[in-house]
Amino acid sequence: MIGNEARDVLGLDTPDEPGSGLAEVPPPSADLLARAQAGWQRFVLTAREMSDE
């Protein structure tokens, strides 16, 4: 059985309102999305080439 002291240590203080204290994250820019897509396509092509060997 866990004593009161252990429960206090293992407890987690959370705000009363869910989501409070969280900052809104701006959406990614079109440039970032384009670069991510290009990188993903390069990765997929490389993975296909490696599996063909």
N, C-alpha and C. Protein backbone atom coordinates (compact mmCIF):
# COMPACT_ATOMS: atom_id res chain seq x y z
N MET A 1 0.85 -1.18 0.00
CA MET A 1 0.00 0.00 0.00
C MET A 1 0.89 1.25 0.00
N ILE A 2 0.53 2.25 -0.78
CA ILE A 2 1.32 3.45 -0.89
C ILE A 2 0.89 4.44 0.19
N GLY A 3 1.87 5.01 0.89
CA GLY A 3 1.58 5.99 1.92
C GLY A 3 1.24 7.34 1.33
N ASN A 4 0.73 8.23 2.16
CA ASN A 4 0.35 9.58 1.70
C ASN A 4 1.53 10.34 1.12
N GLU A 5 2.73 10.16 1.71
CA GLU A 5 3.91 10.86 1.22
C GLU A 5 4.21 10.44 -0.22
N ALA A 6 4.12 9.17 -0.51
CA ALA A 6 4.39 8.67 -1.86
C ALA A 6 3.35 9.19 -2.84
N ARG A 7 2.10 9.25 -2.44
CA ARG A 7 1.06 9.77 -3.32
C ARG A 7 1.32 11.22 -3.67
N ASP A 8 1.80 11.99 -2.71
CA ASP A 8 2.11 13.40 -2.97
C ASP A 8 3.24 13.53 -3.97
N VAL A 9 4.24 12.68 -3.89
CA VAL A 9 5.38 12.73 -4.80
C VAL A 9 4.96 12.28 -6.19
N LEU A 10 4.12 11.27 -6.27
CA LEU A 10 3.70 10.73 -7.56
C LEU A 10 2.56 11.52 -8.19
N GLY A 11 1.97 12.44 -7.45
CA GLY A 11 0.85 13.22 -7.97
C GLY A 11 1.30 14.18 -9.05
N LEU A 12 0.36 14.63 -9.83
CA LEU A 12 0.63 15.55 -10.92
C LEU A 12 -0.34 16.71 -10.82
N ASP A 13 0.20 17.91 -10.68
CA ASP A 13 -0.65 19.09 -10.61
C ASP A 13 -1.01 19.52 -12.02
N THR A 14 -2.28 19.62 -12.31
CA THR A 14 -2.73 20.04 -13.62
C THR A 14 -3.68 21.22 -13.45
N PRO A 15 -3.74 22.10 -14.45
CA PRO A 15 -4.67 23.23 -14.36
C PRO A 15 -6.12 22.75 -14.37
N ASP A 16 -6.99 23.57 -13.81
CA ASP A 16 -8.41 23.22 -13.75
C ASP A 16 -9.04 23.17 -15.13
N GLU A 17 -8.58 24.04 -16.03
CA GLU A 17 -9.16 24.09 -17.37
C GLU A 17 -8.25 23.36 -18.36
N PRO A 18 -8.77 22.35 -19.05
CA PRO A 18 -7.93 21.66 -20.04
C PRO A 18 -7.48 22.63 -21.12
N GLY A 19 -6.24 22.54 -21.51
CA GLY A 19 -5.72 23.38 -22.58
C GLY A 19 -5.20 24.72 -22.11
N SER A 20 -5.43 25.07 -20.84
CA SER A 20 -4.93 26.36 -20.38
C SER A 20 -3.42 26.27 -20.26
N GLY A 21 -2.75 27.33 -20.62
CA GLY A 21 -1.30 27.35 -20.57
C GLY A 21 -0.64 26.85 -21.84
N LEU A 22 -1.44 26.41 -22.82
CA LEU A 22 -0.89 25.95 -24.08
C LEU A 22 -0.91 27.10 -25.08
N ALA A 23 0.17 27.24 -25.81
CA ALA A 23 0.25 28.30 -26.82
C ALA A 23 -0.21 27.74 -28.16
N GLU A 24 -0.90 28.58 -28.92
CA GLU A 24 -1.34 28.16 -30.25
C GLU A 24 -0.13 28.13 -31.18
N VAL A 25 -0.03 27.09 -31.97
CA VAL A 25 1.08 26.94 -32.90
C VAL A 25 0.60 27.36 -34.29
N PRO A 26 1.34 28.27 -34.94
CA PRO A 26 0.92 28.70 -36.27
C PRO A 26 1.09 27.57 -37.28
N PRO A 27 0.29 27.56 -38.33
CA PRO A 27 0.43 26.50 -39.33
C PRO A 27 1.75 26.66 -40.09
N PRO A 28 2.26 25.57 -40.66
CA PRO A 28 3.52 25.65 -41.40
C PRO A 28 3.33 26.47 -42.67
N SER A 29 4.41 27.10 -43.11
CA SER A 29 4.36 27.91 -44.32
C SER A 29 4.30 27.01 -45.55
N ALA A 30 3.88 27.56 -46.67
CA ALA A 30 3.82 26.80 -47.93
C ALA A 30 5.22 26.33 -48.32
N ASP A 31 6.23 27.18 -48.07
CA ASP A 31 7.61 26.81 -48.39
C ASP A 31 8.06 25.60 -47.57
N LEU A 32 7.75 25.60 -46.29
CA LEU A 32 8.12 24.48 -45.43
C LEU A 32 7.44 23.20 -45.90
N LEU A 33 6.16 23.28 -46.24
CA LEU A 33 5.44 22.10 -46.71
C LEU A 33 6.02 21.59 -48.03
N ALA A 34 6.39 22.49 -48.93
CA ALA A 34 6.98 22.09 -50.21
C ALA A 34 8.32 21.40 -49.98
N ARG A 35 9.15 21.94 -49.09
CA ARG A 35 10.44 21.32 -48.82
C ARG A 35 10.28 19.97 -48.15
N ALA A 36 9.31 19.85 -47.25
CA ALA A 36 9.05 18.57 -46.59
C ALA A 36 8.58 17.53 -47.60
N GLN A 37 7.72 17.92 -48.52
CA GLN A 37 7.24 16.99 -49.53
C GLN A 37 8.38 16.55 -50.44
N ALA A 38 9.23 17.47 -50.85
CA ALA A 38 10.37 17.12 -51.70
C ALA A 38 11.31 16.16 -50.97
N GLY A 39 11.57 16.40 -49.72
CA GLY A 39 12.41 15.51 -48.93
C GLY A 39 11.79 14.13 -48.78
N TRP A 40 10.49 14.07 -48.56
CA TRP A 40 9.80 12.79 -48.44
C TRP A 40 9.87 12.02 -49.74
N GLN A 41 9.68 12.71 -50.86
CA GLN A 41 9.76 12.03 -52.16
C GLN A 41 11.16 11.48 -52.41
N ARG A 42 12.20 12.24 -52.05
CA ARG A 42 13.58 11.73 -52.18
C ARG A 42 13.78 10.50 -51.32
N PHE A 43 13.25 10.52 -50.11
CA PHE A 43 13.37 9.39 -49.20
C PHE A 43 12.69 8.15 -49.79
N VAL A 44 11.48 8.32 -50.31
CA VAL A 44 10.73 7.18 -50.87
C VAL A 44 11.49 6.60 -52.07
N LEU A 45 12.00 7.46 -52.94
CA LEU A 45 12.76 6.98 -54.11
C LEU A 45 14.01 6.22 -53.66
N THR A 46 14.70 6.73 -52.68
CA THR A 46 15.90 6.05 -52.18
C THR A 46 15.54 4.71 -51.57
N ALA A 47 14.46 4.65 -50.82
CA ALA A 47 14.04 3.39 -50.20
C ALA A 47 13.68 2.36 -51.28
N ARG A 48 13.04 2.80 -52.35
CA ARG A 48 12.69 1.88 -53.43
C ARG A 48 13.95 1.37 -54.10
N GLU A 49 14.93 2.25 -54.35
CA GLU A 49 16.19 1.83 -54.97
C GLU A 49 16.92 0.82 -54.09
N MET A 50 16.90 1.03 -52.80
CA MET A 50 17.58 0.11 -51.87
C MET A 50 16.89 -1.25 -51.87
N SER A 51 15.58 -1.29 -52.00
CA SER A 51 14.88 -2.58 -51.97
C SER A 51 15.05 -3.33 -53.30
N ASP A 52 15.37 -2.61 -54.37
CA ASP A 52 15.59 -3.26 -55.67
C ASP A 52 16.94 -3.95 -55.75
N GLU A 53 17.87 -3.57 -54.89
CA GLU A 53 19.21 -4.14 -54.95
C GLU A 53 19.27 -5.53 -54.39
